């Protein structure tokens, strides 16, 4: 009989993670209930607001915003794209998806930018944050859904929470990078004139780092959109739910139409969020 090869003893990492999740649920469950109530109320309220006007009105508004930000060509293209979504009877679902993306994106930016600023100004924070961000970026997207389902059940809330966690790393990294790339001589000049650290940050570092920070915001929005579609698997409404339903029922046409709606939203949000503050006539 052949001897069994030696193996490294099993480390019960999964059991430890389960114990942590159970402890959080048992000890701070009301906190998660409050988060659930707030996020659900905001997402549903924004979704209702986006669906309240007739679709043609919103199409004109989206086109006007695109025209103002990127020029008339993008404005016309936006109108055509959203009109296509409406013609496919996917406009309400697209607005539900847009509401989730906006909520998740705003929350992620509100968390990522301050952490990035702190990491840029404090080497210890940067060393601590960097491996955490590496872990968050390399962990498969579907894994984020497991603990949030446990805390928030199914619906839009677990999708939004998982989306925020998934979209944070590029925002933090690019904010830190932008501030670190500011010319040290500019900072030294501000210090020479007696400017306090807060004024140097707000009047020198942030304005000069703004293009890089905006690139991070753009990445947050795009990752939010990709994750919101995946979160359709856990009951989040919108185009993601329609894509998932089409996959499970093998409805090729329905899945393609919903996916086309996602593409239009992705292009619109990408171009809109990557535009500089001034209008570009092109």
C-alpha atoms as a PDB file:
ATOM      1  CA  UNK A   1       0.000   0.000   0.000  1.00  0.00           C
ATOM      2  CA  UNK A   2       1.457   3.397  -1.035  1.00  0.00           C
ATOM      3  CA  UNK A   3       2.019   5.862   1.757  1.00  0.00           C
ATOM      4  CA  UNK A   4      -0.026   9.048   1.707  1.00  0.00           C
ATOM      5  CA  UNK A   5       2.039  12.104   0.763  1.00  0.00           C
ATOM      6  CA  UNK A   6       2.556  14.672   3.483  1.00  0.00           C
ATOM      7  CA  UNK A   7       0.307  17.706   3.315  1.00  0.00           C
ATOM      8  CA  UNK A   8       0.299  21.059   5.029  1.00  0.00           C
ATOM      9  CA  UNK A   9      -2.303  20.952   7.823  1.00  0.00           C
ATOM     10  CA  UNK A  10      -5.557  22.562   6.815  1.00  0.00           C
ATOM     11  CA  UNK A  11      -6.015  26.119   8.066  1.00  0.00           C
ATOM     12  CA  UNK A  12      -9.717  26.808   8.723  1.00  0.00           C
ATOM     13  CA  UNK A  13      -9.761  30.248   7.102  1.00  0.00           C
ATOM     14  CA  UNK A  14     -13.339  29.840   5.912  1.00  0.00           C
ATOM     15  CA  UNK A  15     -14.530  28.848   9.387  1.00  0.00           C
ATOM     16  CA  UNK A  16     -12.862  31.929  10.837  1.00  0.00           C
ATOM     17  CA  UNK A  17     -14.515  34.169   8.259  1.00  0.00           C
ATOM     18  CA  UNK A  18     -17.885  32.587   8.993  1.00  0.00           C
ATOM     19  CA  UNK A  19     -17.342  33.210  12.714  1.00  0.00           C
ATOM     20  CA  UNK A  20     -16.565  36.886  12.054  1.00  0.00           C
ATOM     21  CA  UNK A  21     -19.684  37.307   9.924  1.00  0.00           C
ATOM     22  CA  UNK A  22     -21.825  35.579  12.578  1.00  0.00           C
ATOM     23  CA  UNK A  23     -20.388  37.825  15.297  1.00  0.00           C
ATOM     24  CA  UNK A  24     -21.099  40.959  13.266  1.00  0.00           C
ATOM     25  CA  UNK A  25     -24.634  39.831  12.541  1.00  0.00           C
ATOM     26  CA  UNK A  26     -25.348  38.988  16.174  1.00  0.00           C
ATOM     27  CA  UNK A  27     -23.760  42.069  17.727  1.00  0.00           C
ATOM     28  CA  UNK A  28     -24.317  44.945  15.309  1.00  0.00           C
ATOM     29  CA  UNK A  29     -27.299  43.693  13.368  1.00  0.00           C
ATOM     30  CA  UNK A  30     -29.257  46.943  13.942  1.00  0.00           C
ATOM     31  CA  UNK A  31     -26.440  48.876  12.273  1.00  0.00           C
ATOM     32  CA  UNK A  32     -26.808  46.786   9.114  1.00  0.00           C
ATOM     33  CA  UNK A  33     -30.583  47.198   9.315  1.00  0.00           C
ATOM     34  CA  UNK A  34     -30.132  50.974   9.360  1.00  0.00           C
ATOM     35  CA  UNK A  35     -27.803  50.839   6.363  1.00  0.00           C
ATOM     36  CA  UNK A  36     -30.314  48.643   4.563  1.00  0.00           C
ATOM     37  CA  UNK A  37     -33.134  51.099   5.223  1.00  0.00           C
ATOM     38  CA  UNK A  38     -31.124  54.144   4.124  1.00  0.00           C
ATOM     39  CA  UNK A  39     -29.690  52.665   0.937  1.00  0.00           C
ATOM     40  CA  UNK A  40     -32.962  51.058  -0.069  1.00  0.00           C
ATOM     41  CA  UNK A  41     -34.833  54.318   0.463  1.00  0.00           C
ATOM     42  CA  UNK A  42     -32.309  56.360  -1.537  1.00  0.00           C
ATOM     43  CA  UNK A  43     -32.097  53.876  -4.425  1.00  0.00           C
ATOM     44  CA  UNK A  44     -35.851  53.451  -4.688  1.00  0.00           C
ATOM     45  CA  UNK A  45     -36.459  57.196  -4.372  1.00  0.00           C
ATOM     46  CA  UNK A  46     -33.926  58.015  -7.094  1.00  0.00           C
ATOM     47  CA  UNK A  47     -35.265  55.222  -9.288  1.00  0.00           C
ATOM     48  CA  UNK A  48     -38.815  56.531  -8.924  1.00  0.00           C
ATOM     49  CA  UNK A  49     -37.620  60.058  -9.709  1.00  0.00           C
ATOM     50  CA  UNK A  50     -35.876  58.889 -12.879  1.00  0.00           C
ATOM     51  CA  UNK A  51     -38.945  56.968 -13.991  1.00  0.00           C
ATOM     52  CA  UNK A  52     -41.479  59.687 -13.156  1.00  0.00           C
ATOM     53  CA  UNK A  53     -41.017  61.874 -16.275  1.00  0.00           C
ATOM     54  CA  UNK A  54     -41.928  60.446 -19.690  1.00  0.00           C
ATOM     55  CA  UNK A  55     -39.027  58.754 -21.437  1.00  0.00           C
ATOM     56  CA  UNK A  56     -38.779  61.412 -24.203  1.00  0.00           C
ATOM     57  CA  UNK A  57     -38.261  64.112 -21.574  1.00  0.00           C
ATOM     58  CA  UNK A  58     -35.354  62.232 -20.009  1.00  0.00           C
ATOM     59  CA  UNK A  59     -33.887  61.455 -23.412  1.00  0.00           C
ATOM     60  CA  UNK A  60     -33.815  65.191 -24.182  1.00  0.00           C
ATOM     61  CA  UNK A  61     -32.273  65.945 -20.763  1.00  0.00           C
ATOM     62  CA  UNK A  62     -29.569  63.283 -21.181  1.00  0.00           C
ATOM     63  CA  UNK A  63     -28.820  64.563 -24.675  1.00  0.00           C
ATOM     64  CA  UNK A  64     -28.630  68.174 -23.455  1.00  0.00           C
ATOM     65  CA  UNK A  65     -26.227  67.179 -20.661  1.00  0.00           C
ATOM     66  CA  UNK A  66     -24.067  65.303 -23.143  1.00  0.00           C
ATOM     67  CA  UNK A  67     -24.110  68.266 -25.538  1.00  0.00           C
ATOM     68  CA  UNK A  68     -23.099  70.655 -22.774  1.00  0.00           C
ATOM     69  CA  UNK A  69     -20.263  68.431 -21.565  1.00  0.00           C
ATOM     70  CA  UNK A  70     -18.882  66.941 -24.752  1.00  0.00           C
ATOM     71  CA  UNK A  71     -20.357  68.786 -27.710  1.00  0.00           C
ATOM     72  CA  UNK A  72     -23.202  68.347 -30.152  1.00  0.00           C
ATOM     73  CA  UNK A  73     -21.992  65.046 -31.629  1.00  0.00           C
ATOM     74  CA  UNK A  74     -22.070  63.313 -28.273  1.00  0.00           C
ATOM     75  CA  UNK A  75     -25.412  64.947 -27.489  1.00  0.00           C
ATOM     76  CA  UNK A  76     -26.968  63.565 -30.666  1.00  0.00           C
ATOM     77  CA  UNK A  77     -25.385  60.165 -30.067  1.00  0.00           C
ATOM     78  CA  UNK A  78     -26.769  60.119 -26.526  1.00  0.00           C
ATOM     79  CA  UNK A  79     -30.267  60.868 -27.797  1.00  0.00           C
ATOM     80  CA  UNK A  80     -30.025  58.049 -30.337  1.00  0.00           C
ATOM     81  CA  UNK A  81     -28.702  55.602 -27.743  1.00  0.00           C
ATOM     82  CA  UNK A  82     -31.374  56.287 -25.135  1.00  0.00           C
ATOM     83  CA  UNK A  83     -34.066  56.325 -27.812  1.00  0.00           C
ATOM     84  CA  UNK A  84     -32.879  52.841 -28.783  1.00  0.00           C
ATOM     85  CA  UNK A  85     -33.238  51.700 -25.172  1.00  0.00           C
ATOM     86  CA  UNK A  86     -36.759  53.096 -25.094  1.00  0.00           C
ATOM     87  CA  UNK A  87     -37.645  51.387 -28.368  1.00  0.00           C
ATOM     88  CA  UNK A  88     -36.572  48.067 -26.832  1.00  0.00           C
ATOM     89  CA  UNK A  89     -38.877  48.662 -23.815  1.00  0.00           C
ATOM     90  CA  UNK A  90     -35.845  48.680 -21.536  1.00  0.00           C
ATOM     91  CA  UNK A  91     -35.978  52.325 -20.413  1.00  0.00           C
ATOM     92  CA  UNK A  92     -37.472  51.708 -16.907  1.00  0.00           C
ATOM     93  CA  UNK A  93     -34.919  48.955 -16.261  1.00  0.00           C
ATOM     94  CA  UNK A  94     -32.119  51.231 -17.472  1.00  0.00           C
ATOM     95  CA  UNK A  95     -33.230  53.920 -15.029  1.00  0.00           C
ATOM     96  CA  UNK A  96     -33.235  51.389 -12.175  1.00  0.00           C
ATOM     97  CA  UNK A  97     -29.687  50.418 -13.105  1.00  0.00           C
ATOM     98  CA  UNK A  98     -28.667  54.075 -13.408  1.00  0.00           C
ATOM     99  CA  UNK A  99     -30.064  54.809  -9.935  1.00  0.00           C
ATOM    100  CA  UNK A 100     -27.990  52.008  -8.401  1.00  0.00           C
ATOM    101  CA  UNK A 101     -24.852  53.118 -10.256  1.00  0.00           C
ATOM    102  CA  UNK A 102     -25.270  56.722  -9.116  1.00  0.00           C
ATOM    103  CA  UNK A 103     -25.833  55.799  -5.461  1.00  0.00           C
ATOM    104  CA  UNK A 104     -22.940  53.324  -5.383  1.00  0.00           C
ATOM    105  CA  UNK A 105     -20.673  55.733  -7.268  1.00  0.00           C
ATOM    106  CA  UNK A 106     -21.363  58.677  -4.963  1.00  0.00           C
ATOM    107  CA  UNK A 107     -20.774  56.576  -1.842  1.00  0.00           C
ATOM    108  CA  UNK A 108     -17.584  55.061  -3.281  1.00  0.00           C
ATOM    109  CA  UNK A 109     -16.186  58.481  -4.261  1.00  0.00           C
ATOM    110  CA  UNK A 110     -17.073  59.904  -0.825  1.00  0.00           C
ATOM    111  CA  UNK A 111     -15.041  57.106   0.786  1.00  0.00           C
ATOM    112  CA  UNK A 112     -12.216  56.705  -1.738  1.00  0.00           C
ATOM    113  CA  UNK A 113     -11.102  60.332  -2.122  1.00  0.00           C
ATOM    114  CA  UNK A 114     -10.552  61.047   1.625  1.00  0.00           C
ATOM    115  CA  UNK A 115      -8.712  57.734   2.050  1.00  0.00           C
ATOM    116  CA  UNK A 116      -6.540  58.526  -0.966  1.00  0.00           C
ATOM    117  CA  UNK A 117      -5.737  61.981   0.413  1.00  0.00           C
ATOM    118  CA  UNK A 118      -4.828  60.523   3.787  1.00  0.00           C
ATOM    119  CA  UNK A 119      -2.657  57.832   2.162  1.00  0.00           C
ATOM    120  CA  UNK A 120      -0.844  60.466   0.089  1.00  0.00           C
ATOM    121  CA  UNK A 121      -0.053  62.566   3.142  1.00  0.00           C
ATOM    122  CA  UNK A 122       0.814  59.754   5.531  1.00  0.00           C
ATOM    123  CA  UNK A 123       3.252  56.974   4.594  1.00  0.00           C
ATOM    124  CA  UNK A 124       2.002  54.661   7.344  1.00  0.00           C
ATOM    125  CA  UNK A 125      -1.577  54.876   6.101  1.00  0.00           C
ATOM    126  CA  UNK A 126      -0.348  54.200   2.562  1.00  0.00           C
ATOM    127  CA  UNK A 127       1.510  51.066   3.659  1.00  0.00           C
ATOM    128  CA  UNK A 128      -1.575  49.780   5.472  1.00  0.00           C
ATOM    129  CA  UNK A 129      -4.037  50.635   2.717  1.00  0.00           C
ATOM    130  CA  UNK A 130      -2.030  49.241  -0.207  1.00  0.00           C
ATOM    131  CA  UNK A 131      -2.331  45.494   0.641  1.00  0.00           C
ATOM    132  CA  UNK A 132      -6.002  45.959   1.512  1.00  0.00           C
ATOM    133  CA  UNK A 133      -6.616  47.465  -1.923  1.00  0.00           C
ATOM    134  CA  UNK A 134      -4.644  44.642  -3.558  1.00  0.00           C
ATOM    135  CA  UNK A 135      -6.888  42.125  -1.807  1.00  0.00           C
ATOM    136  CA  UNK A 136     -10.035  43.988  -2.817  1.00  0.00           C
ATOM    137  CA  UNK A 137      -8.963  44.169  -6.467  1.00  0.00           C
ATOM    138  CA  UNK A 138      -7.912  40.543  -6.819  1.00  0.00           C
ATOM    139  CA  UNK A 139     -10.842  38.966  -4.977  1.00  0.00           C
ATOM    140  CA  UNK A 140     -13.398  37.682  -7.539  1.00  0.00           C
ATOM    141  CA  UNK A 141     -16.374  39.995  -7.901  1.00  0.00           C
ATOM    142  CA  UNK A 142     -18.886  37.267  -7.085  1.00  0.00           C
ATOM    143  CA  UNK A 143     -17.257  36.712  -3.693  1.00  0.00           C
ATOM    144  CA  UNK A 144     -18.339  40.188  -2.570  1.00  0.00           C
ATOM    145  CA  UNK A 145     -21.942  39.103  -2.898  1.00  0.00           C
ATOM    146  CA  UNK A 146     -21.678  36.279  -0.338  1.00  0.00           C
ATOM    147  CA  UNK A 147     -21.300  38.267   2.925  1.00  0.00           C
ATOM    148  CA  UNK A 148     -23.539  41.141   1.827  1.00  0.00           C
ATOM    149  CA  UNK A 149     -26.380  38.723   1.080  1.00  0.00           C
ATOM    150  CA  UNK A 150     -25.979  37.403   4.619  1.00  0.00           C
ATOM    151  CA  UNK A 151     -26.210  40.920   6.071  1.00  0.00           C
ATOM    152  CA  UNK A 152     -28.823  42.450   3.765  1.00  0.00           C
ATOM    153  CA  UNK A 153     -30.767  39.534   2.225  1.00  0.00           C
ATOM    154  CA  UNK A 154     -31.637  40.017  -1.460  1.00  0.00           C
ATOM    155  CA  UNK A 155     -32.601  43.124  -3.407  1.00  0.00           C
ATOM    156  CA  UNK A 156     -30.832  46.335  -4.433  1.00  0.00           C
ATOM    157  CA  UNK A 157     -29.014  46.899  -1.127  1.00  0.00           C
ATOM    158  CA  UNK A 158     -26.539  43.976  -1.262  1.00  0.00           C
ATOM    159  CA  UNK A 159     -25.799  44.880  -4.857  1.00  0.00           C
ATOM    160  CA  UNK A 160     -25.037  48.508  -3.982  1.00  0.00           C
ATOM    161  CA  UNK A 161     -22.886  47.590  -0.964  1.00  0.00           C
ATOM    162  CA  UNK A 162     -20.895  45.022  -2.945  1.00  0.00           C
ATOM    163  CA  UNK A 163     -20.519  47.549  -5.753  1.00  0.00           C
ATOM    164  CA  UNK A 164     -19.094  50.175  -3.389  1.00  0.00           C
ATOM    165  CA  UNK A 165     -16.491  47.728  -2.056  1.00  0.00           C
ATOM    166  CA  UNK A 166     -15.620  46.531  -5.558  1.00  0.00           C
ATOM    167  CA  UNK A 167     -15.246  50.041  -7.013  1.00  0.00           C
ATOM    168  CA  UNK A 168     -13.201  51.640  -4.196  1.00  0.00           C
ATOM    169  CA  UNK A 169      -9.585  50.618  -5.053  1.00  0.00           C
ATOM    170  CA  UNK A 170      -9.025  52.652  -8.257  1.00  0.00           C
ATOM    171  CA  UNK A 171     -10.476  55.758  -6.627  1.00  0.00           C
ATOM    172  CA  UNK A 172      -8.130  55.476  -3.653  1.00  0.00           C
ATOM    173  CA  UNK A 173      -5.078  54.643  -5.759  1.00  0.00           C
ATOM    174  CA  UNK A 174      -5.536  57.406  -8.327  1.00  0.00           C
ATOM    175  CA  UNK A 175      -6.298  60.026  -5.674  1.00  0.00           C
ATOM    176  CA  UNK A 176      -3.098  59.118  -3.824  1.00  0.00           C
ATOM    177  CA  UNK A 177      -1.137  59.035  -7.085  1.00  0.00           C
ATOM    178  CA  UNK A 178      -2.423  62.423  -8.205  1.00  0.00           C
ATOM    179  CA  UNK A 179      -1.472  64.144  -4.961  1.00  0.00           C
ATOM    180  CA  UNK A 180       1.957  62.477  -4.819  1.00  0.00           C
ATOM    181  CA  UNK A 181       2.688  63.616  -8.385  1.00  0.00           C
ATOM    182  CA  UNK A 182       2.219  67.291  -7.514  1.00  0.00           C
ATOM    183  CA  UNK A 183       5.524  69.107  -7.951  1.00  0.00           C
ATOM    184  CA  UNK A 184       7.177  69.300  -4.496  1.00  0.00           C
ATOM    185  CA  UNK A 185       8.428  72.788  -5.352  1.00  0.00           C
ATOM    186  CA  UNK A 186       4.828  73.994  -5.550  1.00  0.00           C
ATOM    187  CA  UNK A 187       4.175  72.623  -2.071  1.00  0.00           C
ATOM    188  CA  UNK A 188       7.405  74.121  -0.745  1.00  0.00           C
ATOM    189  CA  UNK A 189       6.455  77.493  -2.192  1.00  0.00           C
ATOM    190  CA  UNK A 190       3.152  77.362  -0.362  1.00  0.00           C
ATOM    191  CA  UNK A 191       4.898  76.445   2.866  1.00  0.00           C
ATOM    192  CA  UNK A 192       7.388  79.276   2.359  1.00  0.00           C
ATOM    193  CA  UNK A 193       4.487  81.740   2.225  1.00  0.00           C
ATOM    194  CA  UNK A 194       3.207  80.359   5.526  1.00  0.00           C
ATOM    195  CA  UNK A 195       0.187  78.486   4.164  1.00  0.00           C
ATOM    196  CA  UNK A 196      -1.194  75.884   6.616  1.00  0.00           C
ATOM    197  CA  UNK A 197      -1.367  72.226   5.489  1.00  0.00           C
ATOM    198  CA  UNK A 198      -5.114  72.398   4.880  1.00  0.00           C
ATOM    199  CA  UNK A 199      -4.740  75.396   2.572  1.00  0.00           C
ATOM    200  CA  UNK A 200      -1.879  73.726   0.695  1.00  0.00           C
ATOM    201  CA  UNK A 201      -4.096  70.696   0.178  1.00  0.00           C
ATOM    202  CA  UNK A 202      -7.171  72.582  -1.013  1.00  0.00           C
ATOM    203  CA  UNK A 203      -5.473  75.330  -3.063  1.00  0.00           C
ATOM    204  CA  UNK A 204      -2.379  73.587  -4.456  1.00  0.00           C
ATOM    205  CA  UNK A 205      -2.440  69.791  -4.292  1.00  0.00           C
ATOM    206  CA  UNK A 206      -6.097  69.044  -5.063  1.00  0.00           C
ATOM    207  CA  UNK A 207      -6.399  71.450  -8.037  1.00  0.00           C
ATOM    208  CA  UNK A 208      -3.185  70.125  -9.602  1.00  0.00           C
ATOM    209  CA  UNK A 209      -4.183  66.509  -8.927  1.00  0.00           C
ATOM    210  CA  UNK A 210      -7.750  66.994 -10.201  1.00  0.00           C
ATOM    211  CA  UNK A 211      -7.276  65.317 -13.625  1.00  0.00           C
ATOM    212  CA  UNK A 212      -5.923  62.157 -11.995  1.00  0.00           C
ATOM    213  CA  UNK A 213      -8.633  62.191  -9.336  1.00  0.00           C
ATOM    214  CA  UNK A 214     -11.289  62.540 -12.045  1.00  0.00           C
ATOM    215  CA  UNK A 215      -9.777  59.529 -13.798  1.00  0.00           C
ATOM    216  CA  UNK A 216     -10.307  57.622 -10.558  1.00  0.00           C
ATOM    217  CA  UNK A 217     -13.915  58.822 -10.394  1.00  0.00           C
ATOM    218  CA  UNK A 218     -14.416  57.607 -13.960  1.00  0.00           C
ATOM    219  CA  UNK A 219     -13.084  54.170 -13.031  1.00  0.00           C
ATOM    220  CA  UNK A 220     -15.345  54.033  -9.983  1.00  0.00           C
ATOM    221  CA  UNK A 221     -18.389  54.750 -12.147  1.00  0.00           C
ATOM    222  CA  UNK A 222     -17.463  52.133 -14.746  1.00  0.00           C
ATOM    223  CA  UNK A 223     -16.734  49.453 -12.147  1.00  0.00           C
ATOM    224  CA  UNK A 224     -19.994  50.342 -10.403  1.00  0.00           C
ATOM    225  CA  UNK A 225     -21.890  49.714 -13.616  1.00  0.00           C
ATOM    226  CA  UNK A 226     -20.201  46.365 -14.203  1.00  0.00           C
ATOM    227  CA  UNK A 227     -20.881  45.214 -10.641  1.00  0.00           C
ATOM    228  CA  UNK A 228     -24.482  46.421 -10.613  1.00  0.00           C
ATOM    229  CA  UNK A 229     -25.136  44.138 -13.581  1.00  0.00           C
ATOM    230  CA  UNK A 230     -23.577  41.220 -11.711  1.00  0.00           C
ATOM    231  CA  UNK A 231     -25.651  42.050  -8.639  1.00  0.00           C
ATOM    232  CA  UNK A 232     -28.750  41.239 -10.674  1.00  0.00           C
ATOM    233  CA  UNK A 233     -28.030  37.681  -9.561  1.00  0.00           C
ATOM    234  CA  UNK A 234     -29.017  38.602  -5.996  1.00  0.00           C
ATOM    235  CA  UNK A 235     -32.283  40.283  -6.830  1.00  0.00           C
ATOM    236  CA  UNK A 236     -31.157  43.819  -7.678  1.00  0.00           C
ATOM    237  CA  UNK A 237     -33.611  45.207 -10.250  1.00  0.00           C
ATOM    238  CA  UNK A 238     -32.666  46.675 -13.582  1.00  0.00           C
ATOM    239  CA  UNK A 239     -30.821  45.542 -16.665  1.00  0.00           C
ATOM    240  CA  UNK A 240     -28.635  43.174 -14.662  1.00  0.00           C
ATOM    241  CA  UNK A 241     -31.680  41.219 -13.506  1.00  0.00           C
ATOM    242  CA  UNK A 242     -32.922  41.013 -17.096  1.00  0.00           C
ATOM    243  CA  UNK A 243     -29.565  39.750 -18.351  1.00  0.00           C
ATOM    244  CA  UNK A 244     -29.462  37.125 -15.598  1.00  0.00           C
ATOM    245  CA  UNK A 245     -33.047  36.043 -16.312  1.00  0.00           C
ATOM    246  CA  UNK A 246     -32.217  35.719 -20.005  1.00  0.00           C
ATOM    247  CA  UNK A 247     -29.150  33.608 -19.233  1.00  0.00           C
ATOM    248  CA  UNK A 248     -31.030  31.234 -16.933  1.00  0.00           C
ATOM    249  CA  UNK A 249     -33.881  30.803 -19.423  1.00  0.00           C
ATOM    250  CA  UNK A 250     -31.642  30.777 -22.539  1.00  0.00           C
ATOM    251  CA  UNK A 251     -33.487  33.727 -24.134  1.00  0.00           C
ATOM    252  CA  UNK A 252     -30.831  34.990 -26.515  1.00  0.00           C
ATOM    253  CA  UNK A 253     -32.802  37.918 -27.925  1.00  0.00           C
ATOM    254  CA  UNK A 254     -33.905  39.258 -24.560  1.00  0.00           C
ATOM    255  CA  UNK A 255     -30.398  38.983 -23.157  1.00  0.00           C
ATOM    256  CA  UNK A 256     -28.916  40.799 -26.154  1.00  0.00           C
ATOM    257  CA  UNK A 257     -31.415  43.648 -25.840  1.00  0.00           C
ATOM    258  CA  UNK A 258     -30.716  44.089 -22.122  1.00  0.00           C
ATOM    259  CA  UNK A 259     -26.980  43.887 -22.775  1.00  0.00           C
ATOM    260  CA  UNK A 260     -27.304  46.553 -25.454  1.00  0.00           C
ATOM    261  CA  UNK A 261     -28.923  48.807 -22.863  1.00  0.00           C
ATOM    262  CA  UNK A 262     -25.941  48.236 -20.572  1.00  0.00           C
ATOM    263  CA  UNK A 263     -23.572  49.166 -23.407  1.00  0.00           C
ATOM    264  CA  UNK A 264     -25.395  52.455 -24.056  1.00  0.00           C
ATOM    265  CA  UNK A 265     -25.317  53.339 -20.353  1.00  0.00           C
ATOM    266  CA  UNK A 266     -21.632  52.412 -20.106  1.00  0.00           C
ATOM    267  CA  UNK A 267     -20.612  54.567 -23.079  1.00  0.00           C
ATOM    268  CA  UNK A 268     -22.695  57.505 -21.872  1.00  0.00           C
ATOM    269  CA  UNK A 269     -21.381  57.407 -18.300  1.00  0.00           C
ATOM    270  CA  UNK A 270     -17.807  56.821 -19.420  1.00  0.00           C
ATOM    271  CA  UNK A 271     -17.745  59.764 -21.805  1.00  0.00           C
ATOM    272  CA  UNK A 272     -19.645  62.001 -19.418  1.00  0.00           C
ATOM    273  CA  UNK A 273     -17.472  61.274 -16.371  1.00  0.00           C
ATOM    274  CA  UNK A 274     -14.205  61.533 -18.312  1.00  0.00           C
ATOM    275  CA  UNK A 275     -15.058  64.926 -19.760  1.00  0.00           C
ATOM    276  CA  UNK A 276     -13.136  67.954 -18.463  1.00  0.00           C
ATOM    277  CA  UNK A 277     -15.159  70.648 -16.669  1.00  0.00           C
ATOM    278  CA  UNK A 278     -15.265  72.928 -19.726  1.00  0.00           C
ATOM    279  CA  UNK A 279     -17.439  72.110 -22.700  1.00  0.00           C
ATOM    280  CA  UNK A 280     -15.726  70.437 -25.648  1.00  0.00           C
ATOM    281  CA  UNK A 281     -17.198  71.297 -29.051  1.00  0.00           C
ATOM    282  CA  UNK A 282     -16.563  68.102 -30.968  1.00  0.00           C
END
